[in-house]
Amino acid sequence: MSLALGLLVVPIEQRYEKAMITSPELGIWWAVTTLTGVGYGDVVPVSFTGRLIGMALEITGVVSFGLLVALMAAAIERREERWYWNRLWERLHHLDDKLNKLEKKEEFEIKKNV
C-alpha cells in the first residue's frame, strides 16, 4: 500500500509549482516515512489530494502497527496460558498417580490384616 500510494502521489503533486514530491523515489520515501510514523518532514505534499493520501497513510500506519502489537501480545499471552494449563494438568496427573498408589497400598494393607 505504501508503494502504491507513494507512486500515486507523484503525478498528483507534479502539477503544482511548489511540489516537493516530484519523482517516484521521493514518493516512495515520503509514503514509507509517513506510514511508519517517522515523518521527517523533509518531503511533504502541497496539494489537497496529496494531503488526503498522507492522512490515509498515517491512519493506516497507526492502525497496522497497533494491530501488529496487539496480535503479538495475544500470541504471547496464549502461549503463556497454554504453558500454565499444561503444567496444571501434569501436576494433576502426578497427584492422581500418587492417589492411586496410596489406594492400592491401603487395599494391600487391609487384605494383609484380614
C-alpha atoms as a PDB file:
ATOM      1  CA  MET A   1       0.000   0.000   0.000  1.00  0.00           C
ATOM      2  CA  SER A   2       2.838   2.332   0.849  1.00  0.00           C
ATOM      3  CA  LEU A   3       4.464   1.684  -2.512  1.00  0.00           C
ATOM      4  CA  ALA A   4       1.207   2.185  -4.423  1.00  0.00           C
ATOM      5  CA  LEU A   5       0.262   5.412  -2.662  1.00  0.00           C
ATOM      6  CA  GLY A   6       3.838   6.677  -2.907  1.00  0.00           C
ATOM      7  CA  LEU A   7       3.715   6.214  -6.655  1.00  0.00           C
ATOM      8  CA  LEU A   8       0.154   7.561  -6.918  1.00  0.00           C
ATOM      9  CA  VAL A   9       1.006  10.843  -5.212  1.00  0.00           C
ATOM     10  CA  VAL A  10       3.784  11.733  -7.692  1.00  0.00           C
ATOM     11  CA  PRO A  11       1.610  12.672 -10.714  1.00  0.00           C
ATOM     12  CA  ILE A  12      -0.818  14.478  -8.411  1.00  0.00           C
ATOM     13  CA  GLU A  13       1.915  16.561  -6.806  1.00  0.00           C
ATOM     14  CA  GLN A  14       3.892  17.234 -10.008  1.00  0.00           C
ATOM     15  CA  ARG A  15       1.104  19.521 -11.248  1.00  0.00           C
ATOM     16  CA  TYR A  16       1.897  22.080  -8.552  1.00  0.00           C
ATOM     17  CA  GLU A  17       4.659  24.669  -8.757  1.00  0.00           C
ATOM     18  CA  LYS A  18       5.952  24.212  -5.192  1.00  0.00           C
ATOM     19  CA  ALA A  19       5.760  20.423  -5.328  1.00  0.00           C
ATOM     20  CA  MET A  20       8.339  18.533  -3.274  1.00  0.00           C
ATOM     21  CA  ILE A  21       7.319  15.045  -4.385  1.00  0.00           C
ATOM     22  CA  THR A  22       8.464  15.083  -7.984  1.00  0.00           C
ATOM     23  CA  SER A  23       9.873  11.591  -8.561  1.00  0.00           C
ATOM     24  CA  PRO A  24       8.811   8.016  -7.765  1.00  0.00           C
ATOM     25  CA  GLU A  25      11.770   7.678  -5.388  1.00  0.00           C
ATOM     26  CA  LEU A  26      10.664  10.716  -3.385  1.00  0.00           C
ATOM     27  CA  GLY A  27       7.073   9.487  -3.451  1.00  0.00           C
ATOM     28  CA  ILE A  28       8.029   6.108  -2.028  1.00  0.00           C
ATOM     29  CA  TRP A  29      10.340   7.760   0.540  1.00  0.00           C
ATOM     30  CA  TRP A  30       7.527  10.062   1.653  1.00  0.00           C
ATOM     31  CA  ALA A  31       4.986   7.220   1.805  1.00  0.00           C
ATOM     32  CA  VAL A  32       7.218   4.909   3.853  1.00  0.00           C
ATOM     33  CA  THR A  33       8.214   7.603   6.349  1.00  0.00           C
ATOM     34  CA  THR A  34       4.580   8.665   6.674  1.00  0.00           C
ATOM     35  CA  LEU A  35       3.245   5.115   7.048  1.00  0.00           C
ATOM     36  CA  THR A  36       5.785   4.204   9.731  1.00  0.00           C
ATOM     37  CA  GLY A  37       5.038   7.332  11.713  1.00  0.00           C
ATOM     38  CA  VAL A  38       8.566   8.709  11.344  1.00  0.00           C
ATOM     39  CA  GLY A  39       7.502  11.590   9.102  1.00  0.00           C
ATOM     40  CA  TYR A  40      10.773  13.522   8.863  1.00  0.00           C
ATOM     41  CA  GLY A  41       9.061  16.459   7.178  1.00  0.00           C
ATOM     42  CA  ASP A  42      11.762  16.813   4.539  1.00  0.00           C
ATOM     43  CA  VAL A  43       9.261  15.920   1.805  1.00  0.00           C
ATOM     44  CA  VAL A  44       5.593  16.872   2.158  1.00  0.00           C
ATOM     45  CA  PRO A  45       2.633  17.037  -0.220  1.00  0.00           C
ATOM     46  CA  VAL A  46       1.394  20.506  -1.135  1.00  0.00           C
ATOM     47  CA  SER A  47      -1.918  19.582  -2.782  1.00  0.00           C
ATOM     48  CA  PHE A  48      -5.148  18.813  -1.023  1.00  0.00           C
ATOM     49  CA  THR A  49      -5.323  15.377  -2.668  1.00  0.00           C
ATOM     50  CA  GLY A  50      -1.731  14.627  -1.677  1.00  0.00           C
ATOM     51  CA  ARG A  51      -2.504  15.563   1.905  1.00  0.00           C
ATOM     52  CA  LEU A  52      -5.568  13.303   1.877  1.00  0.00           C
ATOM     53  CA  ILE A  53      -3.349  10.448   0.731  1.00  0.00           C
ATOM     54  CA  GLY A  54      -0.986  11.371   3.565  1.00  0.00           C
ATOM     55  CA  MET A  55      -3.803  11.211   6.088  1.00  0.00           C
ATOM     56  CA  ALA A  56      -4.813   7.800   4.773  1.00  0.00           C
ATOM     57  CA  LEU A  57      -1.223   6.596   5.117  1.00  0.00           C
ATOM     58  CA  GLU A  58      -0.942   7.952   8.664  1.00  0.00           C
ATOM     59  CA  ILE A  59      -4.174   6.284   9.793  1.00  0.00           C
ATOM     60  CA  THR A  60      -3.223   3.040   8.062  1.00  0.00           C
ATOM     61  CA  GLY A  61       0.208   3.084   9.697  1.00  0.00           C
ATOM     62  CA  VAL A  62      -1.119   3.682  13.203  1.00  0.00           C
ATOM     63  CA  VAL A  63      -3.806   1.020  12.848  1.00  0.00           C
ATOM     64  CA  SER A  64      -1.432  -1.506  11.245  1.00  0.00           C
ATOM     65  CA  PHE A  65       1.266  -1.165  13.864  1.00  0.00           C
ATOM     66  CA  GLY A  66      -1.327  -1.187  16.647  1.00  0.00           C
ATOM     67  CA  LEU A  67      -2.801  -4.419  15.282  1.00  0.00           C
ATOM     68  CA  LEU A  68       0.661  -5.939  14.936  1.00  0.00           C
ATOM     69  CA  VAL A  69       1.499  -5.202  18.569  1.00  0.00           C
ATOM     70  CA  ALA A  70      -1.910  -6.479  19.719  1.00  0.00           C
ATOM     71  CA  LEU A  71      -1.522  -9.729  17.752  1.00  0.00           C
ATOM     72  CA  MET A  72       1.944 -10.303  19.166  1.00  0.00           C
ATOM     73  CA  ALA A  73       0.719  -9.663  22.719  1.00  0.00           C
ATOM     74  CA  ALA A  74      -2.214 -12.044  22.232  1.00  0.00           C
ATOM     75  CA  ALA A  75       0.090 -14.753  20.868  1.00  0.00           C
ATOM     76  CA  ILE A  76       2.465 -14.382  23.822  1.00  0.00           C
ATOM     77  CA  GLU A  77      -0.410 -14.476  26.298  1.00  0.00           C
ATOM     78  CA  ARG A  78      -1.926 -17.541  24.595  1.00  0.00           C
ATOM     79  CA  ARG A  79       1.399 -19.373  24.746  1.00  0.00           C
ATOM     80  CA  GLU A  80       1.858 -18.474  28.409  1.00  0.00           C
ATOM     81  CA  GLU A  81      -1.663 -19.623  29.247  1.00  0.00           C
ATOM     82  CA  ARG A  82      -1.103 -22.912  27.410  1.00  0.00           C
ATOM     83  CA  TRP A  83       2.102 -23.450  29.412  1.00  0.00           C
ATOM     84  CA  TYR A  84       0.273 -22.891  32.707  1.00  0.00           C
ATOM     85  CA  TRP A  85      -2.567 -25.277  31.724  1.00  0.00           C
ATOM     86  CA  ASN A  86      -0.071 -27.950  30.661  1.00  0.00           C
ATOM     87  CA  ARG A  87       1.755 -27.550  33.947  1.00  0.00           C
ATOM     88  CA  LEU A  88      -1.524 -27.804  35.869  1.00  0.00           C
ATOM     89  CA  TRP A  89      -2.523 -30.999  34.016  1.00  0.00           C
ATOM     90  CA  GLU A  90       0.901 -32.528  34.659  1.00  0.00           C
ATOM     91  CA  ARG A  91       0.577 -31.808  38.376  1.00  0.00           C
ATOM     92  CA  LEU A  92      -2.966 -33.182  38.409  1.00  0.00           C
ATOM     93  CA  HIS A  93      -1.845 -36.416  36.721  1.00  0.00           C
ATOM     94  CA  HIS A  94       1.044 -36.685  39.157  1.00  0.00           C
ATOM     95  CA  LEU A  95      -1.337 -36.279  42.107  1.00  0.00           C
ATOM     96  CA  ASP A  96      -3.724 -38.801  40.565  1.00  0.00           C
ATOM     97  CA  ASP A  97      -0.890 -41.324  40.255  1.00  0.00           C
ATOM     98  CA  LYS A  98       0.080 -40.779  43.885  1.00  0.00           C
ATOM     99  CA  LEU A  99      -3.528 -41.215  44.986  1.00  0.00           C
ATOM    100  CA  ASN A 100      -3.825 -44.460  43.011  1.00  0.00           C
ATOM    101  CA  LYS A 101      -0.648 -45.777  44.652  1.00  0.00           C
ATOM    102  CA  LEU A 102      -1.969 -44.887  48.095  1.00  0.00           C
ATOM    103  CA  GLU A 103      -5.293 -46.593  47.379  1.00  0.00           C
ATOM    104  CA  LYS A 104      -3.518 -49.743  46.191  1.00  0.00           C
ATOM    105  CA  LYS A 105      -1.279 -49.717  49.255  1.00  0.00           C
ATOM    106  CA  GLU A 106      -4.318 -49.280  51.515  1.00  0.00           C
ATOM    107  CA  GLU A 107      -6.108 -52.198  49.816  1.00  0.00           C
ATOM    108  CA  PHE A 108      -2.997 -54.321  50.263  1.00  0.00           C
ATOM    109  CA  GLU A 109      -2.744 -53.379  53.946  1.00  0.00           C
ATOM    110  CA  ILE A 110      -6.423 -54.170  54.508  1.00  0.00           C
ATOM    111  CA  LYS A 111      -6.136 -57.578  52.785  1.00  0.00           C
ATOM    112  CA  LYS A 112      -2.925 -58.285  54.707  1.00  0.00           C
ATOM    113  CA  ASN A 113      -4.543 -57.554  58.066  1.00  0.00           C
ATOM    114  CA  VAL A 114      -7.694 -59.551  57.381  1.00  0.00           C
END
